[in-house]
């Protein structure tokens, strides 16, 4: 999982953003499942960073969709 900066996300196309969101959501579900099963967490900050990255992607996606409608 790479940390995506806002500048990098803004350069992406809408299709790429949607694909990245689905990839990160899948990764987040896997990490949460591992925690629920009681497996030791290798990187405890990963879940938090995944959530923040997904939020960034969704925010910029909404901004781009708003610009297309105008």
PDB file of N, CA and C in Angstrom:
ATOM      1  N   UNK A   1       0.829  -1.168   0.000  1.00  0.00           N
ATOM      2  CA  UNK A   1       0.000   0.000   0.000  1.00  0.00           C
ATOM      3  C   UNK A   1       0.880   1.240   0.000  1.00  0.00           C
ATOM      4  N   UNK A   2       0.662   2.054  -0.981  1.00  0.00           N
ATOM      5  CA  UNK A   2       1.418   3.290  -1.055  1.00  0.00           C
ATOM      6  C   UNK A   2       0.548   4.439  -0.558  1.00  0.00           C
ATOM      7  N   UNK A   3       1.160   5.342   0.141  1.00  0.00           N
ATOM      8  CA  UNK A   3       0.438   6.522   0.596  1.00  0.00           C
ATOM      9  C   UNK A   3       0.310   7.456  -0.603  1.00  0.00           C
ATOM     10  N   UNK A   4      -0.913   7.802  -0.925  1.00  0.00           N
ATOM     11  CA  UNK A   4      -1.152   8.684  -2.058  1.00  0.00           C
ATOM     12  C   UNK A   4      -1.320  10.113  -1.565  1.00  0.00           C
ATOM     13  N   UNK A   5      -0.570  10.988  -2.135  1.00  0.00           N
ATOM     14  CA  UNK A   5      -0.680  12.406  -1.807  1.00  0.00           C
ATOM     15  C   UNK A   5      -1.780  13.026  -2.663  1.00  0.00           C
ATOM     16  N   UNK A   6      -2.304  14.133  -2.212  1.00  0.00           N
ATOM     17  CA  UNK A   6      -3.394  14.806  -2.908  1.00  0.00           C
ATOM     18  C   UNK A   6      -2.978  15.169  -4.332  1.00  0.00           C
ATOM     19  N   UNK A   7      -1.763  15.614  -4.503  1.00  0.00           N
ATOM     20  CA  UNK A   7      -1.274  15.997  -5.830  1.00  0.00           C
ATOM     21  C   UNK A   7      -1.305  14.806  -6.783  1.00  0.00           C
ATOM     22  N   UNK A   8      -0.901  13.638  -6.289  1.00  0.00           N
ATOM     23  CA  UNK A   8      -0.913  12.431  -7.116  1.00  0.00           C
ATOM     24  C   UNK A   8      -2.343  12.033  -7.480  1.00  0.00           C
ATOM     25  N   UNK A   9      -3.242  12.150  -6.529  1.00  0.00           N
ATOM     26  CA  UNK A   9      -4.632  11.758  -6.772  1.00  0.00           C
ATOM     27  C   UNK A   9      -5.274  12.683  -7.796  1.00  0.00           C
ATOM     28  N   UNK A  10      -5.004  13.977  -7.698  1.00  0.00           N
ATOM     29  CA  UNK A  10      -5.598  14.939  -8.628  1.00  0.00           C
ATOM     30  C   UNK A  10      -5.143  14.692 -10.065  1.00  0.00           C
ATOM     31  N   UNK A  11      -3.976  14.102 -10.246  1.00  0.00           N
ATOM     32  CA  UNK A  11      -3.470  13.814 -11.586  1.00  0.00           C
ATOM     33  C   UNK A  11      -4.107  12.560 -12.185  1.00  0.00           C
ATOM     34  N   UNK A  12      -4.765  11.757 -11.355  1.00  0.00           N
ATOM     35  CA  UNK A  12      -5.377  10.514 -11.814  1.00  0.00           C
ATOM     36  C   UNK A  12      -6.709  10.787 -12.512  1.00  0.00           C
ATOM     37  N   UNK A  13      -7.094   9.859 -13.406  1.00  0.00           N
ATOM     38  CA  UNK A  13      -8.395   9.936 -14.055  1.00  0.00           C
ATOM     39  C   UNK A  13      -9.443   9.341 -13.122  1.00  0.00           C
ATOM     40  N   UNK A  14     -10.709   9.652 -13.386  1.00  0.00           N
ATOM     41  CA  UNK A  14     -11.799   9.155 -12.541  1.00  0.00           C
ATOM     42  C   UNK A  14     -11.825   7.628 -12.482  1.00  0.00           C
ATOM     43  N   UNK A  15     -11.587   6.978 -13.620  1.00  0.00           N
ATOM     44  CA  UNK A  15     -11.600   5.512 -13.658  1.00  0.00           C
ATOM     45  C   UNK A  15     -10.499   4.946 -12.771  1.00  0.00           C
ATOM     46  N   UNK A  16      -9.329   5.581 -12.814  1.00  0.00           N
ATOM     47  CA  UNK A  16      -8.206   5.126 -11.988  1.00  0.00           C
ATOM     48  C   UNK A  16      -8.504   5.323 -10.503  1.00  0.00           C
ATOM     49  N   UNK A  17      -9.154   6.422 -10.182  1.00  0.00           N
ATOM     50  CA  UNK A  17      -9.509   6.696  -8.785  1.00  0.00           C
ATOM     51  C   UNK A  17     -10.484   5.637  -8.283  1.00  0.00           C
ATOM     52  N   UNK A  18     -11.490   5.316  -9.099  1.00  0.00           N
ATOM     53  CA  UNK A  18     -12.471   4.308  -8.701  1.00  0.00           C
ATOM     54  C   UNK A  18     -11.821   2.945  -8.506  1.00  0.00           C
ATOM     55  N   UNK A  19     -10.889   2.603  -9.390  1.00  0.00           N
ATOM     56  CA  UNK A  19     -10.193   1.322  -9.276  1.00  0.00           C
ATOM     57  C   UNK A  19      -9.349   1.286  -8.004  1.00  0.00           C
ATOM     58  N   UNK A  20      -8.677   2.379  -7.703  1.00  0.00           N
ATOM     59  CA  UNK A  20      -7.834   2.456  -6.507  1.00  0.00           C
ATOM     60  C   UNK A  20      -8.686   2.373  -5.240  1.00  0.00           C
ATOM     61  N   UNK A  21      -9.857   3.000  -5.260  1.00  0.00           N
ATOM     62  CA  UNK A  21     -10.755   2.941  -4.105  1.00  0.00           C
ATOM     63  C   UNK A  21     -11.154   1.498  -3.832  1.00  0.00           C
ATOM     64  N   UNK A  22     -11.527   0.770  -4.877  1.00  0.00           N
ATOM     65  CA  UNK A  22     -11.947  -0.619  -4.670  1.00  0.00           C
ATOM     66  C   UNK A  22     -10.789  -1.478  -4.179  1.00  0.00           C
ATOM     67  N   UNK A  23      -9.582  -1.242  -4.686  1.00  0.00           N
ATOM     68  CA  UNK A  23      -8.407  -1.992  -4.231  1.00  0.00           C
ATOM     69  C   UNK A  23      -8.135  -1.727  -2.747  1.00  0.00           C
ATOM     70  N   UNK A  24      -8.190  -0.462  -2.362  1.00  0.00           N
ATOM     71  CA  UNK A  24      -7.907  -0.104  -0.975  1.00  0.00           C
ATOM     72  C   UNK A  24      -8.990  -0.600  -0.025  1.00  0.00           C
ATOM     73  N   UNK A  25     -10.251  -0.584  -0.473  1.00  0.00           N
ATOM     74  CA  UNK A  25     -11.326  -1.103   0.375  1.00  0.00           C
ATOM     75  C   UNK A  25     -11.152  -2.598   0.614  1.00  0.00           C
ATOM     76  N   UNK A  26     -10.738  -3.329  -0.421  1.00  0.00           N
ATOM     77  CA  UNK A  26     -10.485  -4.758  -0.273  1.00  0.00           C
ATOM     78  C   UNK A  26      -9.344  -5.001   0.709  1.00  0.00           C
ATOM     79  N   UNK A  27      -8.286  -4.229   0.568  1.00  0.00           N
ATOM     80  CA  UNK A  27      -7.141  -4.349   1.474  1.00  0.00           C
ATOM     81  C   UNK A  27      -7.545  -4.010   2.916  1.00  0.00           C
ATOM     82  N   UNK A  28      -8.386  -2.997   3.074  1.00  0.00           N
ATOM     83  CA  UNK A  28      -8.867  -2.611   4.400  1.00  0.00           C
ATOM     84  C   UNK A  28      -9.690  -3.736   5.027  1.00  0.00           C
ATOM     85  N   UNK A  29     -10.560  -4.356   4.225  1.00  0.00           N
ATOM     86  CA  UNK A  29     -11.366  -5.462   4.744  1.00  0.00           C
ATOM     87  C   UNK A  29     -10.486  -6.620   5.206  1.00  0.00           C
ATOM     88  N   UNK A  30      -9.430  -6.900   4.449  1.00  0.00           N
ATOM     89  CA  UNK A  30      -8.512  -7.978   4.829  1.00  0.00           C
ATOM     90  C   UNK A  30      -7.805  -7.654   6.141  1.00  0.00           C
ATOM     91  N   UNK A  31      -7.360  -6.421   6.283  1.00  0.00           N
ATOM     92  CA  UNK A  31      -6.669  -6.019   7.512  1.00  0.00           C
ATOM     93  C   UNK A  31      -7.603  -6.092   8.722  1.00  0.00           C
ATOM     94  N   UNK A  32      -8.829  -5.624   8.550  1.00  0.00           N
ATOM     95  CA  UNK A  32      -9.790  -5.664   9.652  1.00  0.00           C
ATOM     96  C   UNK A  32     -10.122  -7.108  10.012  1.00  0.00           C
ATOM     97  N   UNK A  33     -10.241  -7.972   8.999  1.00  0.00           N
ATOM     98  CA  UNK A  33     -10.519  -9.387   9.261  1.00  0.00           C
ATOM     99  C   UNK A  33      -9.384 -10.019  10.060  1.00  0.00           C
ATOM    100  N   UNK A  34      -8.148  -9.668   9.727  1.00  0.00           N
ATOM    101  CA  UNK A  34      -7.003 -10.199  10.469  1.00  0.00           C
ATOM    102  C   UNK A  34      -7.043  -9.770  11.929  1.00  0.00           C
ATOM    103  N   UNK A  35      -7.416  -8.536  12.173  1.00  0.00           N
ATOM    104  CA  UNK A  35      -7.505  -8.042  13.548  1.00  0.00           C
ATOM    105  C   UNK A  35      -8.617  -8.779  14.294  1.00  0.00           C
ATOM    106  N   UNK A  36      -9.761  -8.959  13.631  1.00  0.00           N
ATOM    107  CA  UNK A  36     -10.894  -9.631  14.266  1.00  0.00           C
ATOM    108  C   UNK A  36     -10.567 -11.086  14.607  1.00  0.00           C
ATOM    109  N   UNK A  37      -9.727 -11.733  13.783  1.00  0.00           N
ATOM    110  CA  UNK A  37      -9.361 -13.125  14.036  1.00  0.00           C
ATOM    111  C   UNK A  37      -8.279 -13.250  15.098  1.00  0.00           C
ATOM    112  N   UNK A  38      -7.758 -12.127  15.540  1.00  0.00           N
ATOM    113  CA  UNK A  38      -6.771 -12.143  16.611  1.00  0.00           C
ATOM    114  C   UNK A  38      -5.342 -12.321  16.150  1.00  0.00           C
ATOM    115  N   UNK A  39      -5.112 -12.169  14.877  1.00  0.00           N
ATOM    116  CA  UNK A  39      -3.742 -12.270  14.369  1.00  0.00           C
ATOM    117  C   UNK A  39      -2.954 -11.028  14.776  1.00  0.00           C
ATOM    118  N   UNK A  40      -1.666 -11.193  15.004  1.00  0.00           N
ATOM    119  CA  UNK A  40      -0.864 -10.016  15.379  1.00  0.00           C
ATOM    120  C   UNK A  40      -0.758  -9.032  14.209  1.00  0.00           C
ATOM    121  N   UNK A  41      -0.832  -7.768  14.545  1.00  0.00           N
ATOM    122  CA  UNK A  41      -0.785  -6.717  13.533  1.00  0.00           C
ATOM    123  C   UNK A  41       0.667  -6.323  13.295  1.00  0.00           C
ATOM    124  N   UNK A  42       1.084  -6.381  12.029  1.00  0.00           N
ATOM    125  CA  UNK A  42       2.467  -6.017  11.696  1.00  0.00           C
ATOM    126  C   UNK A  42       2.655  -4.504  11.730  1.00  0.00           C
ATOM    127  N   UNK A  43       1.655  -3.808  11.208  1.00  0.00           N
ATOM    128  CA  UNK A  43       1.733  -2.350  11.149  1.00  0.00           C
ATOM    129  C   UNK A  43       0.405  -1.776  11.659  1.00  0.00           C
ATOM    130  N   UNK A  44       0.345  -1.392  12.915  1.00  0.00           N
ATOM    131  CA  UNK A  44      -0.926  -0.932  13.477  1.00  0.00           C
ATOM    132  C   UNK A  44      -1.474   0.350  12.843  1.00  0.00           C
ATOM    133  N   UNK A  45      -0.649   1.145  12.244  1.00  0.00           N
ATOM    134  CA  UNK A  45      -1.114   2.380  11.625  1.00  0.00           C
ATOM    135  C   UNK A  45      -1.658   2.190  10.223  1.00  0.00           C
ATOM    136  N   UNK A  46      -1.569   0.978   9.701  1.00  0.00           N
ATOM    137  CA  UNK A  46      -1.974   0.723   8.321  1.00  0.00           C
ATOM    138  C   UNK A  46      -3.476   0.918   8.120  1.00  0.00           C
ATOM    139  N   UNK A  47      -4.279   0.440   9.069  1.00  0.00           N
ATOM    140  CA  UNK A  47      -5.733   0.565   8.935  1.00  0.00           C
ATOM    141  C   UNK A  47      -6.132   2.038   8.903  1.00  0.00           C
ATOM    142  N   UNK A  48      -5.558   2.810   9.783  1.00  0.00           N
ATOM    143  CA  UNK A  48      -5.861   4.246   9.839  1.00  0.00           C
ATOM    144  C   UNK A  48      -5.458   4.935   8.532  1.00  0.00           C
ATOM    145  N   UNK A  49      -4.293   4.598   8.024  1.00  0.00           N
ATOM    146  CA  UNK A  49      -3.820   5.219   6.787  1.00  0.00           C
ATOM    147  C   UNK A  49      -4.677   4.794   5.592  1.00  0.00           C
ATOM    148  N   UNK A  50      -5.116   3.543   5.573  1.00  0.00           N
ATOM    149  CA  UNK A  50      -6.004   3.087   4.501  1.00  0.00           C
ATOM    150  C   UNK A  50      -7.307   3.882   4.506  1.00  0.00           C
ATOM    151  N   UNK A  51      -7.879   4.072   5.682  1.00  0.00           N
ATOM    152  CA  UNK A  51      -9.128   4.831   5.790  1.00  0.00           C
ATOM    153  C   UNK A  51      -8.946   6.265   5.313  1.00  0.00           C
ATOM    154  N   UNK A  52      -7.843   6.867   5.693  1.00  0.00           N
ATOM    155  CA  UNK A  52      -7.587   8.260   5.291  1.00  0.00           C
ATOM    156  C   UNK A  52      -7.369   8.375   3.784  1.00  0.00           C
ATOM    157  N   UNK A  53      -6.652   7.410   3.216  1.00  0.00           N
ATOM    158  CA  UNK A  53      -6.403   7.441   1.778  1.00  0.00           C
ATOM    159  C   UNK A  53      -7.705   7.256   1.009  1.00  0.00           C
ATOM    160  N   UNK A  54      -8.562   6.348   1.472  1.00  0.00           N
ATOM    161  CA  UNK A  54      -9.859   6.151   0.827  1.00  0.00           C
ATOM    162  C   UNK A  54     -10.673   7.441   0.902  1.00  0.00           C
ATOM    163  N   UNK A  55     -10.646   8.104   2.040  1.00  0.00           N
ATOM    164  CA  UNK A  55     -11.379   9.366   2.197  1.00  0.00           C
ATOM    165  C   UNK A  55     -10.848  10.434   1.241  1.00  0.00           C
ATOM    166  N   UNK A  56      -9.539  10.511   1.096  1.00  0.00           N
ATOM    167  CA  UNK A  56      -8.946  11.477   0.154  1.00  0.00           C
ATOM    168  C   UNK A  56      -9.423  11.191  -1.264  1.00  0.00           C
ATOM    169  N   UNK A  57      -9.385   9.905  -1.644  1.00  0.00           N
ATOM    170  CA  UNK A  57      -9.801   9.516  -2.990  1.00  0.00           C
ATOM    171  C   UNK A  57     -11.268   9.868  -3.234  1.00  0.00           C
ATOM    172  N   UNK A  58     -12.121   9.571  -2.274  1.00  0.00           N
ATOM    173  CA  UNK A  58     -13.546   9.867  -2.431  1.00  0.00           C
ATOM    174  C   UNK A  58     -13.806  11.367  -2.520  1.00  0.00           C
ATOM    175  N   UNK A  59     -13.085  12.153  -1.739  1.00  0.00           N
ATOM    176  CA  UNK A  59     -13.256  13.605  -1.755  1.00  0.00           C
ATOM    177  C   UNK A  59     -12.887  14.180  -3.115  1.00  0.00           C
ATOM    178  N   UNK A  60     -11.752  13.776  -3.637  1.00  0.00           N
ATOM    179  CA  UNK A  60     -11.301  14.312  -4.923  1.00  0.00           C
ATOM    180  C   UNK A  60     -12.178  13.786  -6.056  1.00  0.00           C
ATOM    181  N   UNK A  61     -12.669  12.560  -5.921  1.00  0.00           N
ATOM    182  CA  UNK A  61     -13.588  12.006  -6.920  1.00  0.00           C
ATOM    183  C   UNK A  61     -14.849  12.859  -6.996  1.00  0.00           C
ATOM    184  N   UNK A  62     -15.405  13.230  -5.839  1.00  0.00           N
ATOM    185  CA  UNK A  62     -16.607  14.077  -5.804  1.00  0.00           C
ATOM    186  C   UNK A  62     -16.331  15.446  -6.421  1.00  0.00           C
ATOM    187  N   UNK A  63     -15.152  16.000  -6.149  1.00  0.00           N
ATOM    188  CA  UNK A  63     -14.790  17.296  -6.722  1.00  0.00           C
ATOM    189  C   UNK A  63     -14.754  17.216  -8.243  1.00  0.00           C
ATOM    190  N   UNK A  64     -14.140  16.155  -8.760  1.00  0.00           N
ATOM    191  CA  UNK A  64     -14.030  16.005 -10.213  1.00  0.00           C
ATOM    192  C   UNK A  64     -15.394  15.775 -10.847  1.00  0.00           C
ATOM    193  N   UNK A  65     -16.256  15.011 -10.183  1.00  0.00           N
ATOM    194  CA  UNK A  65     -17.599  14.786 -10.714  1.00  0.00           C
ATOM    195  C   UNK A  65     -18.395  16.085 -10.733  1.00  0.00           C
ATOM    196  N   UNK A  66     -18.195  16.929  -9.749  1.00  0.00           N
ATOM    197  CA  UNK A  66     -18.874  18.217  -9.697  1.00  0.00           C
ATOM    198  C   UNK A  66     -18.446  19.126 -10.834  1.00  0.00           C
ATOM    199  N   UNK A  67     -17.166  19.088 -11.177  1.00  0.00           N
ATOM    200  CA  UNK A  67     -16.658  19.909 -12.278  1.00  0.00           C
ATOM    201  C   UNK A  67     -17.219  19.434 -13.612  1.00  0.00           C
ATOM    202  N   UNK A  68     -17.413  18.124 -13.771  1.00  0.00           N
ATOM    203  CA  UNK A  68     -17.941  17.586 -15.026  1.00  0.00           C
ATOM    204  C   UNK A  68     -19.379  18.020 -15.258  1.00  0.00           C
ATOM    205  N   UNK A  69     -20.164  18.133 -14.187  1.00  0.00           N
ATOM    206  CA  UNK A  69     -21.575  18.479 -14.313  1.00  0.00           C
ATOM    207  C   UNK A  69     -21.781  19.932 -14.709  1.00  0.00           C
ATOM    208  N   UNK A  70     -20.866  20.805 -14.355  1.00  0.00           N
ATOM    209  CA  UNK A  70     -21.014  22.240 -14.648  1.00  0.00           C
ATOM    210  C   UNK A  70     -20.757  22.551 -16.087  1.00  0.00           C
TER     211      UNK A  70
END
